[in-house]
Amino acid sequence: MFLSPDKVELEERSLARATVQVLPPTVNVTSAFPQYLSQHLLATASLLQHWRVWFASLFLVSVPVFFEAPLVRYAPWLSLICTVGWLAIAKHLQAEPKKQVWGSLTWGFSLTWLCGSLYWGWLRWEPAYHVPVEALALPWAIWATRQDSHRVGGWFYIGSLFGTAITDLYFYIAHLFPNWKALMQVESNISLAQPILKNALTLVETPWGMTWACILAALLLITGNKAMRSPNLAYWAFGGAVLGTIFVDLLFFSVAVLG
C-alpha cells in the first residue's frame, strides 16, 4: 500500500512536532545542571558559615571563664581597658566586607566582656547584681538587632545574657546565693573554698536541685536548637551563646565535684 502525498506531509509534520517536544527537555536538563551545582555549592558554603559562627559563639561564651575571670580578679582596670581593644578589632574587621560578620560578632563579645569586667571586678560578692550589671549593654544589643552590620553581635550578646539569666535563676531556686557570697570571700584560699563547694554540691544533688537543673537545661537546649533551625545567621550566634552556657555550667559543676 502507498501513502498519499497529503498523508506523508501530515506524518512529517507530526514527526517534526515530536522532535520539537523531545529536544527542549534534554537541552534544559543539560543547561540546568551547572545552575543546580552552583546552588548546591552556595548552600553548602552558607551552611559552613552558619556552623563557623555557631562554634565561634560557643567559644566566645567560654573565653571569660578561662581568661577574663583570673584577669579581672587581679587587674580589674586592665580587664576593663581591654574592652577598647576588642572594639578596635571589631571596627577593623567590619571595615572589610568579607569579615563583617566576624566584626559584628567581636563587637557583641566586647559588650559581654565590658559587663563581665564591671561585675566580676567590683561586684562579684553580690550575686543579686549579676544579671542587672550583665544587662547594662542590652539597649545597644537591641539596637544592633535592627542593623545589618551589627545584627550577629547583638543576638550573640542577647543569647549570652539569656544563658546567664537562666543560670542565675537556678542558683536562686537551689538556694546557692549564700554559697556564692561565701565563695567570693575566700576565693584565693583553696582550703576554705572546698567546704563551700561541697555544701553547694549537696544542694545541687537534692531532688529539688536535680529537677530544676534538668528543667532549665532542657529550656536552654530547646531554645538553642530552635534558633539553629532558622536560616538567619544571627540566630545561630544566639543559639551558640545559649548552648555555650551549658558548657560553662558543666565546667563549674565539674570543679565543684572535684573540689
C-alpha atoms as a PDB file:
ATOM      1  CA  MET A   1       0.000   0.000   0.000  1.00  0.00           C
ATOM      2  CA  PHE A   2       1.209   3.528  -0.730  1.00  0.00           C
ATOM      3  CA  LEU A   3       0.653   6.700   1.281  1.00  0.00           C
ATOM      4  CA  SER A   4      -0.796   9.720  -0.397  1.00  0.00           C
ATOM      5  CA  PRO A   5       1.303  12.933  -0.519  1.00  0.00           C
ATOM      6  CA  ASP A   6      -1.070  14.578   1.955  1.00  0.00           C
ATOM      7  CA  LYS A   7      -0.618  11.775   4.489  1.00  0.00           C
ATOM      8  CA  VAL A   8       3.148  11.818   4.042  1.00  0.00           C
ATOM      9  CA  GLU A   9       3.246  15.543   4.691  1.00  0.00           C
ATOM     10  CA  LEU A  10       0.996  15.119   7.742  1.00  0.00           C
ATOM     11  CA  GLU A  11       3.265  12.422   9.187  1.00  0.00           C
ATOM     12  CA  GLU A  12       6.361  14.568   8.542  1.00  0.00           C
ATOM     13  CA  ARG A  13       4.743  17.443  10.469  1.00  0.00           C
ATOM     14  CA  SER A  14       3.828  15.113  13.345  1.00  0.00           C
ATOM     15  CA  LEU A  15       7.399  13.812  13.484  1.00  0.00           C
ATOM     16  CA  ALA A  16       8.745  17.357  13.477  1.00  0.00           C
ATOM     17  CA  ARG A  17       6.440  18.284  16.385  1.00  0.00           C
ATOM     18  CA  ALA A  18       7.553  15.222  18.327  1.00  0.00           C
ATOM     19  CA  THR A  19      11.184  16.205  17.765  1.00  0.00           C
ATOM     20  CA  VAL A  20      10.484  19.728  18.951  1.00  0.00           C
ATOM     21  CA  GLN A  21       8.783  18.356  22.086  1.00  0.00           C
ATOM     22  CA  VAL A  22      11.613  15.926  22.907  1.00  0.00           C
ATOM     23  CA  LEU A  23      14.616  18.177  22.405  1.00  0.00           C
ATOM     24  CA  PRO A  24      13.866  21.046  24.831  1.00  0.00           C
ATOM     25  CA  PRO A  25      13.766  18.874  27.998  1.00  0.00           C
ATOM     26  CA  THR A  26      17.177  17.424  27.095  1.00  0.00           C
ATOM     27  CA  VAL A  27      18.590  20.870  26.460  1.00  0.00           C
ATOM     28  CA  ASN A  28      17.010  22.219  29.696  1.00  0.00           C
ATOM     29  CA  VAL A  29      18.455  19.422  31.853  1.00  0.00           C
ATOM     30  CA  THR A  30      21.920  19.972  30.376  1.00  0.00           C
ATOM     31  CA  SER A  31      21.818  23.720  30.916  1.00  0.00           C
ATOM     32  CA  ALA A  32      20.208  23.394  34.378  1.00  0.00           C
ATOM     33  CA  PHE A  33      22.940  21.130  35.774  1.00  0.00           C
ATOM     34  CA  PRO A  34      25.554  23.908  36.220  1.00  0.00           C
ATOM     35  CA  GLN A  35      22.897  26.071  37.838  1.00  0.00           C
ATOM     36  CA  TYR A  36      21.939  23.236  40.221  1.00  0.00           C
ATOM     37  CA  LEU A  37      25.603  22.631  41.058  1.00  0.00           C
ATOM     38  CA  SER A  38      26.132  26.331  41.726  1.00  0.00           C
ATOM     39  CA  GLN A  39      23.115  26.467  44.029  1.00  0.00           C
ATOM     40  CA  HIS A  40      24.305  23.355  45.854  1.00  0.00           C
ATOM     41  CA  LEU A  41      27.760  24.843  46.418  1.00  0.00           C
ATOM     42  CA  LEU A  42      26.271  28.096  47.646  1.00  0.00           C
ATOM     43  CA  ALA A  43      24.004  26.225  50.067  1.00  0.00           C
ATOM     44  CA  THR A  44      26.967  24.213  51.369  1.00  0.00           C
ATOM     45  CA  ALA A  45      29.064  27.348  51.833  1.00  0.00           C
ATOM     46  CA  SER A  46      26.186  29.037  53.658  1.00  0.00           C
ATOM     47  CA  LEU A  47      25.788  26.048  55.998  1.00  0.00           C
ATOM     48  CA  LEU A  48      29.515  26.025  56.766  1.00  0.00           C
ATOM     49  CA  GLN A  49      29.342  29.740  57.538  1.00  0.00           C
ATOM     50  CA  HIS A  50      26.465  29.123  59.953  1.00  0.00           C
ATOM     51  CA  TRP A  51      28.410  26.391  61.760  1.00  0.00           C
ATOM     52  CA  ARG A  52      31.523  28.560  61.974  1.00  0.00           C
ATOM     53  CA  VAL A  53      29.525  31.355  63.597  1.00  0.00           C
ATOM     54  CA  TRP A  54      27.908  28.830  65.960  1.00  0.00           C
ATOM     55  CA  PHE A  55      31.235  27.375  67.096  1.00  0.00           C
ATOM     56  CA  ALA A  56      32.754  30.850  67.435  1.00  0.00           C
ATOM     57  CA  SER A  57      29.837  31.937  69.627  1.00  0.00           C
ATOM     58  CA  LEU A  58      30.204  28.827  71.750  1.00  0.00           C
ATOM     59  CA  PHE A  59      33.914  29.544  72.175  1.00  0.00           C
ATOM     60  CA  LEU A  60      33.453  33.235  72.983  1.00  0.00           C
ATOM     61  CA  VAL A  61      30.989  32.420  75.760  1.00  0.00           C
ATOM     62  CA  SER A  62      33.658  30.172  77.282  1.00  0.00           C
ATOM     63  CA  VAL A  63      36.529  32.666  76.966  1.00  0.00           C
ATOM     64  CA  PRO A  64      35.714  34.693  80.118  1.00  0.00           C
ATOM     65  CA  VAL A  65      35.895  31.508  82.212  1.00  0.00           C
ATOM     66  CA  PHE A  66      39.494  30.819  81.209  1.00  0.00           C
ATOM     67  CA  PHE A  67      40.885  34.329  80.634  1.00  0.00           C
ATOM     68  CA  GLU A  68      38.702  37.151  81.896  1.00  0.00           C
ATOM     69  CA  ALA A  69      37.888  35.639  85.301  1.00  0.00           C
ATOM     70  CA  PRO A  70      41.505  35.420  86.533  1.00  0.00           C
ATOM     71  CA  LEU A  71      42.450  38.696  84.818  1.00  0.00           C
ATOM     72  CA  VAL A  72      39.592  40.649  86.335  1.00  0.00           C
ATOM     73  CA  ARG A  73      40.338  39.305  89.795  1.00  0.00           C
ATOM     74  CA  TYR A  74      43.930  40.582  89.835  1.00  0.00           C
ATOM     75  CA  ALA A  75      43.722  43.511  87.411  1.00  0.00           C
ATOM     76  CA  PRO A  76      40.088  44.689  87.009  1.00  0.00           C
ATOM     77  CA  TRP A  77      41.068  48.002  85.414  1.00  0.00           C
ATOM     78  CA  LEU A  78      43.212  46.247  82.839  1.00  0.00           C
ATOM     79  CA  SER A  79      40.331  43.911  82.006  1.00  0.00           C
ATOM     80  CA  LEU A  80      38.031  46.900  81.611  1.00  0.00           C
ATOM     81  CA  ILE A  81      40.501  48.691  79.320  1.00  0.00           C
ATOM     82  CA  CYS A  82      40.755  45.554  77.168  1.00  0.00           C
ATOM     83  CA  THR A  83      37.199  46.346  76.035  1.00  0.00           C
ATOM     84  CA  VAL A  84      38.640  49.182  73.949  1.00  0.00           C
ATOM     85  CA  GLY A  85      40.931  46.681  72.250  1.00  0.00           C
ATOM     86  CA  TRP A  86      38.048  44.357  71.420  1.00  0.00           C
ATOM     87  CA  LEU A  87      36.067  47.269  69.986  1.00  0.00           C
ATOM     88  CA  ALA A  88      39.047  48.310  67.868  1.00  0.00           C
ATOM     89  CA  ILE A  89      39.383  44.774  66.489  1.00  0.00           C
ATOM     90  CA  ALA A  90      35.649  44.702  65.761  1.00  0.00           C
ATOM     91  CA  LYS A  91      35.840  48.010  63.872  1.00  0.00           C
ATOM     92  CA  HIS A  92      38.826  46.811  61.851  1.00  0.00           C
ATOM     93  CA  LEU A  93      37.052  43.596  60.846  1.00  0.00           C
ATOM     94  CA  GLN A  94      33.816  45.368  59.970  1.00  0.00           C
ATOM     95  CA  ALA A  95      35.695  47.652  57.600  1.00  0.00           C
ATOM     96  CA  GLU A  96      36.220  44.652  55.301  1.00  0.00           C
ATOM     97  CA  PRO A  97      33.013  43.335  53.683  1.00  0.00           C
ATOM     98  CA  LYS A  98      34.176  39.708  53.779  1.00  0.00           C
ATOM     99  CA  LYS A  99      34.907  39.913  57.509  1.00  0.00           C
ATOM    100  CA  GLN A 100      31.915  41.990  58.536  1.00  0.00           C
ATOM    101  CA  VAL A 101      30.210  39.025  60.241  1.00  0.00           C
ATOM    102  CA  TRP A 102      33.256  38.400  62.429  1.00  0.00           C
ATOM    103  CA  GLY A 103      33.499  42.083  63.218  1.00  0.00           C
ATOM    104  CA  SER A 104      29.882  42.087  64.316  1.00  0.00           C
ATOM    105  CA  LEU A 105      30.424  39.002  66.478  1.00  0.00           C
ATOM    106  CA  THR A 106      33.524  40.568  68.067  1.00  0.00           C
ATOM    107  CA  TRP A 107      31.520  43.714  68.747  1.00  0.00           C
ATOM    108  CA  GLY A 108      28.876  41.667  70.578  1.00  0.00           C
ATOM    109  CA  PHE A 109      31.602  39.878  72.518  1.00  0.00           C
ATOM    110  CA  SER A 110      33.089  43.222  73.562  1.00  0.00           C
ATOM    111  CA  LEU A 111      29.755  44.069  75.220  1.00  0.00           C
ATOM    112  CA  THR A 112      29.797  40.862  77.252  1.00  0.00           C
ATOM    113  CA  TRP A 113      33.461  41.493  78.157  1.00  0.00           C
ATOM    114  CA  LEU A 114      32.645  45.034  79.319  1.00  0.00           C
ATOM    115  CA  CYS A 115      29.743  43.976  81.527  1.00  0.00           C
ATOM    116  CA  GLY A 116      31.651  40.972  82.854  1.00  0.00           C
ATOM    117  CA  SER A 117      34.621  43.160  83.789  1.00  0.00           C
ATOM    118  CA  LEU A 118      32.368  45.552  85.696  1.00  0.00           C
ATOM    119  CA  TYR A 119      30.626  42.847  87.683  1.00  0.00           C
ATOM    120  CA  TRP A 120      33.460  40.409  88.388  1.00  0.00           C
ATOM    121  CA  GLY A 121      35.903  43.235  89.049  1.00  0.00           C
ATOM    122  CA  TRP A 122      33.939  45.150  91.668  1.00  0.00           C
ATOM    123  CA  LEU A 123      30.593  43.497  92.462  1.00  0.00           C
ATOM    124  CA  ARG A 124      31.204  39.738  92.395  1.00  0.00           C
ATOM    125  CA  TRP A 125      30.343  39.440  96.100  1.00  0.00           C
ATOM    126  CA  GLU A 126      26.706  40.364  95.334  1.00  0.00           C
ATOM    127  CA  PRO A 127      25.014  37.670  93.184  1.00  0.00           C
ATOM    128  CA  ALA A 128      21.781  39.678  93.053  1.00  0.00           C
ATOM    129  CA  TYR A 129      23.573  42.350  90.984  1.00  0.00           C
ATOM    130  CA  HIS A 130      24.928  39.872  88.434  1.00  0.00           C
ATOM    131  CA  VAL A 131      22.168  39.890  85.819  1.00  0.00           C
ATOM    132  CA  PRO A 132      21.414  43.656  86.113  1.00  0.00           C
ATOM    133  CA  VAL A 133      25.090  44.506  85.516  1.00  0.00           C
ATOM    134  CA  GLU A 134      25.439  41.959  82.705  1.00  0.00           C
ATOM    135  CA  ALA A 135      22.366  43.561  81.103  1.00  0.00           C
ATOM    136  CA  LEU A 136      23.786  47.107  81.060  1.00  0.00           C
ATOM    137  CA  ALA A 137      24.575  46.844  77.328  1.00  0.00           C
ATOM    138  CA  LEU A 138      21.149  45.445  76.413  1.00  0.00           C
ATOM    139  CA  PRO A 139      19.892  48.712  74.818  1.00  0.00           C
ATOM    140  CA  TRP A 140      22.856  48.660  72.398  1.00  0.00           C
ATOM    141  CA  ALA A 141      22.239  44.992  71.635  1.00  0.00           C
ATOM    142  CA  ILE A 142      18.574  45.649  70.875  1.00  0.00           C
ATOM    143  CA  TRP A 143      19.623  48.481  68.570  1.00  0.00           C
ATOM    144  CA  ALA A 144      22.122  46.141  66.902  1.00  0.00           C
ATOM    145  CA  THR A 145      19.460  43.544  66.065  1.00  0.00           C
ATOM    146  CA  ARG A 146      17.959  46.095  63.663  1.00  0.00           C
ATOM    147  CA  GLN A 147      21.264  46.883  61.936  1.00  0.00           C
ATOM    148  CA  ASP A 148      22.674  44.597  59.237  1.00  0.00           C
ATOM    149  CA  SER A 149      26.234  45.423  60.235  1.00  0.00           C
ATOM    150  CA  HIS A 150      25.760  44.556  63.941  1.00  0.00           C
ATOM    151  CA  ARG A 151      22.904  42.039  63.996  1.00  0.00           C
ATOM    152  CA  VAL A 152      25.058  38.955  64.608  1.00  0.00           C
ATOM    153  CA  GLY A 153      26.817  40.599  67.557  1.00  0.00           C
ATOM    154  CA  GLY A 154      23.564  41.892  69.005  1.00  0.00           C
ATOM    155  CA  TRP A 155      21.982  38.443  69.043  1.00  0.00           C
ATOM    156  CA  PHE A 156      25.173  36.914  70.438  1.00  0.00           C
ATOM    157  CA  TYR A 157      25.030  39.289  73.396  1.00  0.00           C
ATOM    158  CA  ILE A 158      21.327  38.586  73.945  1.00  0.00           C
ATOM    159  CA  GLY A 159      21.980  34.824  73.850  1.00  0.00           C
ATOM    160  CA  SER A 160      24.797  35.165  76.360  1.00  0.00           C
ATOM    161  CA  LEU A 161      22.625  37.280  78.648  1.00  0.00           C
ATOM    162  CA  PHE A 162      19.735  34.805  78.376  1.00  0.00           C
ATOM    163  CA  GLY A 163      22.005  31.920  79.365  1.00  0.00           C
ATOM    164  CA  THR A 164      23.380  33.933  82.288  1.00  0.00           C
ATOM    165  CA  ALA A 165      19.868  34.761  83.489  1.00  0.00           C
ATOM    166  CA  ILE A 166      18.816  31.092  83.386  1.00  0.00           C
ATOM    167  CA  THR A 167      21.942  30.060  85.321  1.00  0.00           C
ATOM    168  CA  ASP A 168      21.346  32.710  87.985  1.00  0.00           C
ATOM    169  CA  LEU A 169      17.721  31.650  88.195  1.00  0.00           C
ATOM    170  CA  TYR A 170      18.899  28.150  89.050  1.00  0.00           C
ATOM    171  CA  PHE A 171      21.282  29.497  91.711  1.00  0.00           C
ATOM    172  CA  TYR A 172      18.332  31.347  93.249  1.00  0.00           C
ATOM    173  CA  ILE A 173      15.935  28.386  93.104  1.00  0.00           C
ATOM    174  CA  ALA A 174      18.542  25.976  94.517  1.00  0.00           C
ATOM    175  CA  HIS A 175      19.388  28.444  97.342  1.00  0.00           C
ATOM    176  CA  LEU A 176      23.009  28.748  96.204  1.00  0.00           C
ATOM    177  CA  PHE A 177      23.367  32.513  96.599  1.00  0.00           C
ATOM    178  CA  PRO A 178      24.764  32.242 100.166  1.00  0.00           C
ATOM    179  CA  ASN A 179      27.397  29.806  98.887  1.00  0.00           C
ATOM    180  CA  TRP A 180      28.211  32.212  96.063  1.00  0.00           C
ATOM    181  CA  LYS A 181      28.817  35.046  98.544  1.00  0.00           C
ATOM    182  CA  ALA A 182      30.898  32.858 100.822  1.00  0.00           C
ATOM    183  CA  LEU A 183      32.994  31.534  97.951  1.00  0.00           C
ATOM    184  CA  MET A 184      33.793  35.041  96.701  1.00  0.00           C
ATOM    185  CA  GLN A 185      35.066  35.956 100.160  1.00  0.00           C
ATOM    186  CA  VAL A 186      37.582  33.096 100.255  1.00  0.00           C
ATOM    187  CA  GLU A 187      38.230  32.559  96.527  1.00  0.00           C
ATOM    188  CA  SER A 188      42.008  32.813  96.930  1.00  0.00           C
ATOM    189  CA  ASN A 189      42.090  30.222  99.726  1.00  0.00           C
ATOM    190  CA  ILE A 190      41.517  26.731  98.312  1.00  0.00           C
ATOM    191  CA  SER A 191      41.301  25.053 101.717  1.00  0.00           C
ATOM    192  CA  LEU A 192      38.449  27.354 102.766  1.00  0.00           C
ATOM    193  CA  ALA A 193      36.734  27.140  99.369  1.00  0.00           C
ATOM    194  CA  GLN A 194      36.466  23.336  99.342  1.00  0.00           C
ATOM    195  CA  PRO A 195      33.857  23.061 102.164  1.00  0.00           C
ATOM    196  CA  ILE A 196      31.753  25.750 100.465  1.00  0.00           C
ATOM    197  CA  LEU A 197      31.852  23.889  97.153  1.00  0.00           C
ATOM    198  CA  LYS A 198      30.906  20.630  98.878  1.00  0.00           C
ATOM    199  CA  ASN A 199      27.962  22.296 100.583  1.00  0.00           C
ATOM    200  CA  ALA A 200      26.817  23.768  97.270  1.00  0.00           C
ATOM    201  CA  LEU A 201      27.138  20.351  95.632  1.00  0.00           C
ATOM    202  CA  THR A 202      24.942  18.853  98.358  1.00  0.00           C
ATOM    203  CA  LEU A 203      22.194  21.323  97.487  1.00  0.00           C
ATOM    204  CA  VAL A 204      22.542  20.578  93.772  1.00  0.00           C
ATOM    205  CA  GLU A 205      22.262  16.820  94.336  1.00  0.00           C
ATOM    206  CA  THR A 206      18.929  17.048  96.154  1.00  0.00           C
ATOM    207  CA  PRO A 207      15.770  16.018  94.217  1.00  0.00           C
ATOM    208  CA  TRP A 208      14.767  19.699  94.141  1.00  0.00           C
ATOM    209  CA  GLY A 209      18.132  20.776  92.762  1.00  0.00           C
ATOM    210  CA  MET A 210      18.386  17.986  90.188  1.00  0.00           C
ATOM    211  CA  THR A 211      14.817  18.507  88.968  1.00  0.00           C
ATOM    212  CA  TRP A 212      15.315  22.192  88.349  1.00  0.00           C
ATOM    213  CA  ALA A 213      18.709  21.575  86.780  1.00  0.00           C
ATOM    214  CA  CYS A 214      17.079  19.262  84.229  1.00  0.00           C
ATOM    215  CA  ILE A 215      14.185  21.664  83.572  1.00  0.00           C
ATOM    216  CA  LEU A 216      16.393  24.704  82.963  1.00  0.00           C
ATOM    217  CA  ALA A 217      18.975  22.727  80.969  1.00  0.00           C
ATOM    218  CA  ALA A 218      16.147  21.456  78.752  1.00  0.00           C
ATOM    219  CA  LEU A 219      14.959  25.043  78.302  1.00  0.00           C
ATOM    220  CA  LEU A 220      18.438  26.089  77.141  1.00  0.00           C
ATOM    221  CA  LEU A 221      18.708  23.105  74.793  1.00  0.00           C
ATOM    222  CA  ILE A 222      15.298  23.704  73.242  1.00  0.00           C
ATOM    223  CA  THR A 223      15.915  27.433  72.817  1.00  0.00           C
ATOM    224  CA  GLY A 224      19.344  26.922  71.268  1.00  0.00           C
ATOM    225  CA  ASN A 225      18.120  24.166  68.958  1.00  0.00           C
ATOM    226  CA  LYS A 226      15.148  26.217  67.789  1.00  0.00           C
ATOM    227  CA  ALA A 227      17.422  29.147  66.973  1.00  0.00           C
ATOM    228  CA  MET A 228      19.604  26.876  64.842  1.00  0.00           C
ATOM    229  CA  ARG A 229      16.622  25.872  62.702  1.00  0.00           C
ATOM    230  CA  SER A 230      16.461  29.381  61.310  1.00  0.00           C
ATOM    231  CA  PRO A 231      18.404  30.332  58.150  1.00  0.00           C
ATOM    232  CA  ASN A 232      19.245  33.646  59.843  1.00  0.00           C
ATOM    233  CA  LEU A 233      22.956  33.736  60.693  1.00  0.00           C
ATOM    234  CA  ALA A 234      22.333  35.971  63.716  1.00  0.00           C
ATOM    235  CA  TYR A 235      20.074  33.351  65.305  1.00  0.00           C
ATOM    236  CA  TRP A 236      22.888  30.814  65.041  1.00  0.00           C
ATOM    237  CA  ALA A 237      25.086  33.203  67.019  1.00  0.00           C
ATOM    238  CA  PHE A 238      22.288  33.400  69.583  1.00  0.00           C
ATOM    239  CA  GLY A 239      21.996  29.594  69.666  1.00  0.00           C
ATOM    240  CA  GLY A 240      25.745  29.123  70.080  1.00  0.00           C
ATOM    241  CA  ALA A 241      25.818  31.568  73.001  1.00  0.00           C
ATOM    242  CA  VAL A 242      22.847  29.875  74.690  1.00  0.00           C
ATOM    243  CA  LEU A 243      24.240  26.358  74.330  1.00  0.00           C
ATOM    244  CA  GLY A 244      27.664  27.595  75.397  1.00  0.00           C
ATOM    245  CA  THR A 245      26.094  28.401  78.757  1.00  0.00           C
ATOM    246  CA  ILE A 246      25.507  24.699  79.341  1.00  0.00           C
ATOM    247  CA  PHE A 247      29.185  24.003  78.712  1.00  0.00           C
ATOM    248  CA  VAL A 248      30.223  26.669  81.245  1.00  0.00           C
ATOM    249  CA  ASP A 249      27.743  25.382  83.821  1.00  0.00           C
ATOM    250  CA  LEU A 250      29.059  21.844  83.400  1.00  0.00           C
ATOM    251  CA  LEU A 251      32.566  23.192  83.897  1.00  0.00           C
ATOM    252  CA  PHE A 252      31.616  24.796  87.210  1.00  0.00           C
ATOM    253  CA  PHE A 253      29.805  21.612  88.249  1.00  0.00           C
ATOM    254  CA  SER A 254      32.928  19.605  87.480  1.00  0.00           C
ATOM    255  CA  VAL A 255      35.029  21.963  89.632  1.00  0.00           C
ATOM    256  CA  ALA A 256      32.590  21.511  92.498  1.00  0.00           C
ATOM    257  CA  VAL A 257      32.643  17.729  92.154  1.00  0.00           C
ATOM    258  CA  LEU A 258      36.444  17.598  92.016  1.00  0.00           C
ATOM    259  CA  GLY A 259      36.712  20.013  94.910  1.00  0.00           C
END
